Amino acid sequence: MNAQLPTPNSRTGTTKGTKRSAFAKATVDKSKSTKKGLIKGSFFAGLLAFSLFAVFAVKTTAQQQLDRVVARIGTAALTQTDVDAALAFGVIDRQAGDPVKQMIERRLILAEVNRIPPPEPGETAINELVATMKTTAGAQAAAVMKRTGVDEKRLAEFARETLRIQAYVAQRFGGGPRSDQQRALWLTGLRARGDVTEFTPPR
């Protein structure tokens, strides 16, 4: 039996075929690896996007709860942030009654003060009252300012408003028991005439 020896051409063809097969396999393997990488990348990208969305949603919900509108005085909104800041810095007193109603009365009085303004308080008086307000808030002053967004400028404005209200009331009603009665009646009239809407918090 005569064995046929492989010719140079057949060896070359076999080698080329083997190389093509190896190249094809490598291409398939690379394609599979690329697909796996894309799938893995898409998964982690989706996970990251979901995490960011969740964090944003939580922050947004918290901010919405913090800035909930508790009343409207005319076209101006009174938010829970306003009430919380006023309580913390002693602008209103929790022992004097409903904080929201106190803030509504304050806004109504300020409208009257702006209509017939008393002399402007001096910078020294404003700074002294700001220092007193910070003392009232105590160690929590910085945390309250950060939480409610109240900065030094707003604290000074709180103090200025309080001093203007005090000057207006003293100028209009003076002192004594009779002046207290007159002031109470005046406040009742302001509230009756004012365009005030209170909002009940959701349960």
Protein backbone atom coordinates (compact mmCIF):
# COMPACT_ATOMS: atom_id res chain seq x y z
CA MET A 1 0.00 0.00 0.00
CA ASN A 2 1.43 3.31 -1.04
CA ALA A 3 1.11 6.06 1.57
CA GLN A 4 0.56 9.48 0.08
CA LEU A 5 2.91 11.98 1.60
CA PRO A 6 1.50 15.40 2.31
CA THR A 7 2.53 17.96 -0.22
CA PRO A 8 3.74 21.45 0.75
CA ASN A 9 0.48 22.93 -0.49
CA SER A 10 -1.63 20.59 1.64
CA ARG A 11 0.45 21.40 4.71
CA THR A 12 0.03 25.10 4.05
CA GLY A 13 -3.72 24.67 3.61
CA THR A 14 -3.95 22.74 6.85
CA THR A 15 -1.94 25.40 8.69
CA LYS A 16 -4.08 28.19 7.27
CA GLY A 17 -7.24 26.30 8.17
CA THR A 18 -6.00 25.80 11.72
CA LYS A 19 -5.12 29.50 12.01
CA ARG A 20 -8.52 30.52 10.64
CA SER A 21 -10.22 28.19 13.13
CA ALA A 22 -8.17 29.54 16.01
CA PHE A 23 -8.86 33.14 14.92
CA ALA A 24 -12.59 32.44 14.63
CA LYS A 25 -12.63 30.88 18.09
CA ALA A 26 -10.72 33.81 19.54
CA THR A 27 -13.16 36.22 17.85
CA VAL A 28 -16.15 34.37 19.30
CA ASP A 29 -14.56 34.26 22.74
CA LYS A 30 -13.77 37.98 22.54
CA SER A 31 -17.33 38.70 21.41
CA LYS A 32 -18.74 36.72 24.34
CA SER A 33 -16.39 38.49 26.74
CA THR A 34 -17.42 41.87 25.32
CA LYS A 35 -21.11 41.02 25.68
CA LYS A 36 -20.56 39.90 29.28
CA GLY A 37 -18.69 43.15 29.96
CA LEU A 38 -21.50 45.20 28.44
CA ILE A 39 -24.13 43.32 30.44
CA LYS A 40 -22.14 43.73 33.65
CA GLY A 41 -21.51 47.41 32.90
CA SER A 42 -25.19 48.00 32.17
CA PHE A 43 -26.14 46.26 35.42
CA PHE A 44 -23.83 48.40 37.53
CA ALA A 45 -24.84 51.56 35.67
CA GLY A 46 -28.48 50.74 36.32
CA LEU A 47 -27.75 50.01 39.98
CA LEU A 48 -25.91 53.32 40.34
CA ALA A 49 -28.75 55.22 38.68
CA PHE A 50 -31.30 53.57 40.95
CA SER A 51 -29.22 54.38 44.04
CA LEU A 52 -28.89 58.03 43.03
CA PHE A 53 -32.61 58.22 42.34
CA ALA A 54 -33.40 56.70 45.74
CA VAL A 55 -31.14 59.16 47.56
CA PHE A 56 -32.64 62.09 45.63
CA ALA A 57 -36.18 60.88 46.35
CA VAL A 58 -35.49 60.58 50.08
CA LYS A 59 -33.92 64.05 50.20
CA THR A 60 -36.77 65.52 48.19
CA THR A 61 -39.36 63.93 50.48
CA ALA A 62 -37.55 65.19 53.55
CA GLN A 63 -37.31 68.67 52.09
CA GLN A 64 -40.99 68.65 51.12
CA GLN A 65 -41.95 67.66 54.65
CA LEU A 66 -39.70 70.37 56.10
CA ASP A 67 -41.08 73.06 53.78
CA ARG A 68 -44.73 72.08 54.13
CA VAL A 69 -46.96 75.14 53.85
CA VAL A 70 -48.92 75.47 57.10
CA ALA A 71 -50.77 78.69 56.28
CA ARG A 72 -51.22 81.44 53.74
CA ILE A 73 -51.50 85.10 54.69
CA GLY A 74 -52.71 86.88 51.59
CA THR A 75 -50.39 85.65 48.85
CA ALA A 76 -47.50 84.85 51.22
CA ALA A 77 -46.88 81.28 52.36
CA LEU A 78 -45.96 80.36 55.92
CA THR A 79 -43.93 77.15 56.02
CA GLN A 80 -43.07 74.69 58.75
CA THR A 81 -39.47 75.84 58.35
CA ASP A 82 -40.47 79.39 59.30
CA VAL A 83 -42.28 78.14 62.40
CA ASP A 84 -39.45 75.82 63.47
CA ALA A 85 -36.83 78.55 63.12
CA ALA A 86 -38.95 81.09 65.00
CA LEU A 87 -39.48 78.63 67.87
CA ALA A 88 -35.82 77.66 68.09
CA PHE A 89 -34.60 81.26 68.26
CA GLY A 90 -37.30 82.53 70.62
CA VAL A 91 -39.04 84.72 68.05
CA ILE A 92 -42.27 83.10 69.25
CA ASP A 93 -42.94 81.23 72.48
CA ARG A 94 -44.36 77.70 72.54
CA GLN A 95 -45.90 78.43 75.96
CA ALA A 96 -47.88 81.36 74.50
CA GLY A 97 -50.09 79.12 72.37
CA ASP A 98 -50.19 77.55 68.93
CA PRO A 99 -46.91 78.41 67.14
CA VAL A 100 -48.60 78.61 63.74
CA LYS A 101 -51.20 81.08 65.00
CA GLN A 102 -48.46 83.17 66.61
CA MET A 103 -46.59 83.34 63.31
CA ILE A 104 -49.80 84.27 61.47
CA GLU A 105 -50.39 87.11 63.93
CA ARG A 106 -46.80 88.22 63.51
CA ARG A 107 -47.21 88.39 59.72
CA LEU A 108 -50.47 90.34 60.08
CA ILE A 109 -48.86 92.79 62.52
CA LEU A 110 -45.88 93.26 60.21
CA ALA A 111 -48.26 94.20 57.41
CA GLU A 112 -49.62 96.98 59.66
CA VAL A 113 -46.12 97.99 60.70
CA ASN A 114 -45.14 98.36 57.04
CA ARG A 115 -48.22 100.47 56.43
CA ILE A 116 -47.45 102.93 59.25
CA PRO A 117 -43.76 102.27 59.99
CA PRO A 118 -42.14 103.30 63.28
CA PRO A 119 -38.52 104.53 63.38
CA GLU A 120 -36.03 101.93 62.18
CA PRO A 121 -34.14 100.11 64.95
CA GLY A 122 -30.42 100.75 65.21
CA GLU A 123 -27.77 98.22 64.21
CA THR A 124 -26.60 97.84 67.82
CA ALA A 125 -30.09 96.90 69.00
CA ILE A 126 -30.44 94.40 66.15
CA ASN A 127 -27.08 92.77 66.91
CA GLU A 128 -27.90 92.52 70.61
CA LEU A 129 -31.22 90.81 69.86
CA VAL A 130 -29.53 88.41 67.42
CA ALA A 131 -27.09 87.44 70.20
CA THR A 132 -30.03 86.83 72.55
CA MET A 133 -31.76 84.69 69.92
CA LYS A 134 -28.64 82.56 69.48
CA THR A 135 -28.39 82.15 73.25
CA THR A 136 -32.01 80.96 73.27
CA ALA A 137 -31.21 78.32 70.66
CA GLY A 138 -28.12 77.32 72.67
CA ALA A 139 -25.83 74.59 71.44
CA GLN A 140 -28.33 73.70 68.71
CA ALA A 141 -28.10 77.13 67.04
CA ALA A 142 -25.76 76.06 64.23
CA ALA A 143 -27.70 72.82 63.62
CA VAL A 144 -31.03 74.69 63.49
CA MET A 145 -29.60 77.24 61.06
CA LYS A 146 -28.38 74.45 58.80
CA ARG A 147 -31.63 72.47 59.02
CA THR A 148 -33.96 75.41 58.42
CA GLY A 149 -31.75 77.35 56.01
CA VAL A 150 -31.74 80.43 58.27
CA ASP A 151 -28.51 82.38 57.83
CA GLU A 152 -27.07 85.39 59.67
CA LYS A 153 -28.93 87.78 57.37
CA ARG A 154 -32.28 86.14 58.12
CA LEU A 155 -31.55 86.16 61.87
CA ALA A 156 -30.88 89.89 61.64
CA GLU A 157 -34.15 90.31 59.73
CA PHE A 158 -36.01 88.37 62.45
CA ALA A 159 -34.52 90.72 65.04
CA ARG A 160 -35.35 93.82 63.00
CA GLU A 161 -38.96 92.69 62.57
CA THR A 162 -39.33 92.02 66.30
CA LEU A 163 -37.95 95.44 67.25
CA ARG A 164 -40.21 97.18 64.72
CA ILE A 165 -43.25 95.33 66.09
CA GLN A 166 -42.35 96.29 69.66
CA ALA A 167 -41.90 99.95 68.68
CA TYR A 168 -45.18 100.00 66.74
CA VAL A 169 -47.21 98.41 69.56
CA ALA A 170 -45.67 100.70 72.19
CA GLN A 171 -46.35 103.74 69.99
CA ARG A 172 -49.95 102.72 69.30
CA PHE A 173 -51.11 101.27 72.63
CA GLY A 174 -48.68 102.49 75.28
CA GLY A 175 -48.62 100.42 78.46
CA GLY A 176 -50.96 99.18 81.19
CA PRO A 177 -53.86 96.70 81.44
CA ARG A 178 -56.12 98.76 79.19
CA SER A 179 -53.53 98.73 76.43
CA ASP A 180 -53.37 94.91 76.65
CA GLN A 181 -57.13 94.71 76.11
CA GLN A 182 -56.96 97.12 73.20
CA ARG A 183 -54.12 95.17 71.66
CA ALA A 184 -56.05 91.87 71.99
CA LEU A 185 -59.09 93.41 70.26
CA TRP A 186 -56.86 94.87 67.57
CA LEU A 187 -55.29 91.46 66.91
CA THR A 188 -58.74 89.87 66.67
CA GLY A 189 -59.73 92.49 64.11
CA LEU A 190 -56.54 91.96 62.12
CA ARG A 191 -57.18 88.26 61.93
CA ALA A 192 -60.83 88.74 60.97
CA ARG A 193 -59.91 91.16 58.18
CA GLY A 194 -56.88 89.28 57.02
CA ASP A 195 -56.94 86.81 54.17
CA VAL A 196 -55.69 83.83 56.21
CA THR A 197 -55.91 80.15 55.37
CA GLU A 198 -54.51 77.46 57.65
CA PHE A 199 -53.70 73.97 56.37
CA THR A 200 -54.22 70.87 58.47
CA PRO A 201 -51.13 68.62 58.40
CA PRO A 202 -51.63 65.23 56.71
CA ARG A 203 -52.03 62.20 59.00
